[in-house]
Amino acid sequence: MQKEQEKFAQGGHGRKTSQGRVESHAGLMVLRIKDRKDVTVLSTAQSTAKNPCTDKFEVDEMYNRRKSLVDQTDQKAAISPFLRRTNKW
């Protein structure tokens, strides 16, 4: 099963998919996007439709929204002081 998923993630033919290429088989979509590094996204929830305003795929927009929320949470956690209580026995 894992070998089949790896093969499908590489485009079904054993090679990496090119950037921005979308493949969809039996309800599973594969998309390769370029962030800071290459990101391969497998999705069963989003379709292969693009947003006409931004010209990005739905799954790409969702990935960026989630990523920005994680970044904001990390920033808030870094600046907020917390008290560390320890007990010495």
C-alpha atoms as a PDB file:
ATOM      1  CA  MET A   1       0.000   0.000   0.000  1.00  0.00           C
ATOM      2  CA  GLN A   2       2.749   2.478   0.906  1.00  0.00           C
ATOM      3  CA  LYS A   3       4.656   1.712  -2.298  1.00  0.00           C
ATOM      4  CA  GLU A   4       1.525   2.491  -4.306  1.00  0.00           C
ATOM      5  CA  GLN A   5       1.075   5.801  -2.457  1.00  0.00           C
ATOM      6  CA  GLU A   6       4.708   6.750  -3.110  1.00  0.00           C
ATOM      7  CA  LYS A   7       4.354   5.868  -6.775  1.00  0.00           C
ATOM      8  CA  PHE A   8       1.138   7.894  -6.997  1.00  0.00           C
ATOM      9  CA  ALA A   9       2.786  10.839  -5.207  1.00  0.00           C
ATOM     10  CA  GLN A  10       5.533  10.761  -7.816  1.00  0.00           C
ATOM     11  CA  GLY A  11       2.963  10.984 -10.575  1.00  0.00           C
ATOM     12  CA  GLY A  12       2.128   7.336 -11.092  1.00  0.00           C
ATOM     13  CA  HIS A  13       5.092   6.776 -13.351  1.00  0.00           C
ATOM     14  CA  GLY A  14       8.012   6.718 -10.931  1.00  0.00           C
ATOM     15  CA  ARG A  15       9.136  10.309 -11.615  1.00  0.00           C
ATOM     16  CA  LYS A  16       8.527  13.479  -9.624  1.00  0.00           C
ATOM     17  CA  THR A  17       5.637  15.599 -10.818  1.00  0.00           C
ATOM     18  CA  SER A  18       6.561  18.987 -12.206  1.00  0.00           C
ATOM     19  CA  GLN A  19       5.772  22.113 -10.225  1.00  0.00           C
ATOM     20  CA  GLY A  20       2.112  23.110 -10.414  1.00  0.00           C
ATOM     21  CA  ARG A  21       1.103  19.849 -12.068  1.00  0.00           C
ATOM     22  CA  VAL A  22      -2.114  18.313 -10.802  1.00  0.00           C
ATOM     23  CA  GLU A  23      -3.183  14.712 -11.114  1.00  0.00           C
ATOM     24  CA  SER A  24      -6.446  13.290  -9.897  1.00  0.00           C
ATOM     25  CA  HIS A  25      -7.311   9.593  -9.716  1.00  0.00           C
ATOM     26  CA  ALA A  26     -10.293   8.027  -7.954  1.00  0.00           C
ATOM     27  CA  GLY A  27     -10.937  11.034  -5.717  1.00  0.00           C
ATOM     28  CA  LEU A  28      -7.303  11.555  -4.677  1.00  0.00           C
ATOM     29  CA  MET A  29      -5.567  14.695  -5.901  1.00  0.00           C
ATOM     30  CA  VAL A  30      -1.794  15.159  -6.088  1.00  0.00           C
ATOM     31  CA  LEU A  31      -0.373  18.667  -6.320  1.00  0.00           C
ATOM     32  CA  ARG A  32       3.233  19.799  -6.122  1.00  0.00           C
ATOM     33  CA  ILE A  33       3.685  23.376  -4.972  1.00  0.00           C
ATOM     34  CA  LYS A  34       6.781  25.418  -4.269  1.00  0.00           C
ATOM     35  CA  ASP A  35       6.960  27.053  -0.857  1.00  0.00           C
ATOM     36  CA  ARG A  36      10.389  27.484   0.689  1.00  0.00           C
ATOM     37  CA  LYS A  37      10.949  23.968  -0.521  1.00  0.00           C
ATOM     38  CA  ASP A  38       8.924  21.592  -2.677  1.00  0.00           C
ATOM     39  CA  VAL A  39       5.703  20.431  -1.053  1.00  0.00           C
ATOM     40  CA  THR A  40       3.692  17.518  -2.403  1.00  0.00           C
ATOM     41  CA  VAL A  41       0.070  17.652  -1.297  1.00  0.00           C
ATOM     42  CA  LEU A  42      -2.267  14.666  -1.376  1.00  0.00           C
ATOM     43  CA  SER A  43      -5.904  15.600  -0.844  1.00  0.00           C
ATOM     44  CA  THR A  44      -9.237  13.841  -0.932  1.00  0.00           C
ATOM     45  CA  ALA A  45     -11.192  16.860   0.321  1.00  0.00           C
ATOM     46  CA  GLN A  46     -10.413  19.541  -2.275  1.00  0.00           C
ATOM     47  CA  SER A  47     -11.061  19.421  -5.971  1.00  0.00           C
ATOM     48  CA  THR A  48      -8.678  20.442  -8.734  1.00  0.00           C
ATOM     49  CA  ALA A  49     -10.519  23.752  -9.164  1.00  0.00           C
ATOM     50  CA  LYS A  50      -8.632  27.040  -9.139  1.00  0.00           C
ATOM     51  CA  ASN A  51      -9.775  30.264  -7.521  1.00  0.00           C
ATOM     52  CA  PRO A  52     -10.268  32.674 -10.452  1.00  0.00           C
ATOM     53  CA  CYS A  53      -9.263  35.732  -8.384  1.00  0.00           C
ATOM     54  CA  THR A  54      -5.927  34.438  -7.113  1.00  0.00           C
ATOM     55  CA  ASP A  55      -5.278  31.781  -9.783  1.00  0.00           C
ATOM     56  CA  LYS A  56      -4.287  29.299  -7.061  1.00  0.00           C
ATOM     57  CA  PHE A  57      -5.647  25.858  -6.304  1.00  0.00           C
ATOM     58  CA  GLU A  58      -8.079  25.472  -3.394  1.00  0.00           C
ATOM     59  CA  VAL A  59      -5.747  23.082  -1.608  1.00  0.00           C
ATOM     60  CA  ASP A  60      -2.844  25.543  -1.981  1.00  0.00           C
ATOM     61  CA  GLU A  61      -4.889  28.341  -0.385  1.00  0.00           C
ATOM     62  CA  MET A  62      -5.955  26.057   2.475  1.00  0.00           C
ATOM     63  CA  TYR A  63      -2.321  25.006   3.048  1.00  0.00           C
ATOM     64  CA  ASN A  64      -1.205  28.637   3.224  1.00  0.00           C
ATOM     65  CA  ARG A  65      -4.025  29.580   5.650  1.00  0.00           C
ATOM     66  CA  ARG A  66      -3.165  26.724   7.994  1.00  0.00           C
ATOM     67  CA  LYS A  67       0.551  27.454   7.763  1.00  0.00           C
ATOM     68  CA  SER A  68       0.024  31.123   8.656  1.00  0.00           C
ATOM     69  CA  LEU A  69      -2.075  30.163  11.695  1.00  0.00           C
ATOM     70  CA  VAL A  70       0.720  27.920  12.960  1.00  0.00           C
ATOM     71  CA  ASP A  71       3.251  30.719  12.431  1.00  0.00           C
ATOM     72  CA  GLN A  72       1.078  33.194  14.369  1.00  0.00           C
ATOM     73  CA  THR A  73       0.647  30.746  17.232  1.00  0.00           C
ATOM     74  CA  ASP A  74       4.396  30.144  17.390  1.00  0.00           C
ATOM     75  CA  GLN A  75       5.073  33.889  17.487  1.00  0.00           C
ATOM     76  CA  LYS A  76       2.585  34.465  20.306  1.00  0.00           C
ATOM     77  CA  ALA A  77       4.025  31.593  22.311  1.00  0.00           C
ATOM     78  CA  ALA A  78       7.544  32.965  21.888  1.00  0.00           C
ATOM     79  CA  ILE A  79       6.770  36.439  23.270  1.00  0.00           C
ATOM     80  CA  SER A  80       4.398  35.524  26.078  1.00  0.00           C
ATOM     81  CA  PRO A  81       6.172  34.996  29.385  1.00  0.00           C
ATOM     82  CA  PHE A  82       5.166  32.069  31.511  1.00  0.00           C
ATOM     83  CA  LEU A  83       6.030  31.043  35.018  1.00  0.00           C
ATOM     84  CA  ARG A  84       7.764  27.771  35.428  1.00  0.00           C
ATOM     85  CA  ARG A  85       7.131  26.139  38.753  1.00  0.00           C
ATOM     86  CA  THR A  86       9.313  23.353  39.966  1.00  0.00           C
ATOM     87  CA  ASN A  87       9.287  21.439  43.188  1.00  0.00           C
ATOM     88  CA  LYS A  88      12.484  20.446  44.891  1.00  0.00           C
ATOM     89  CA  TRP A  89      12.170  17.288  46.907  1.00  0.00           C
END
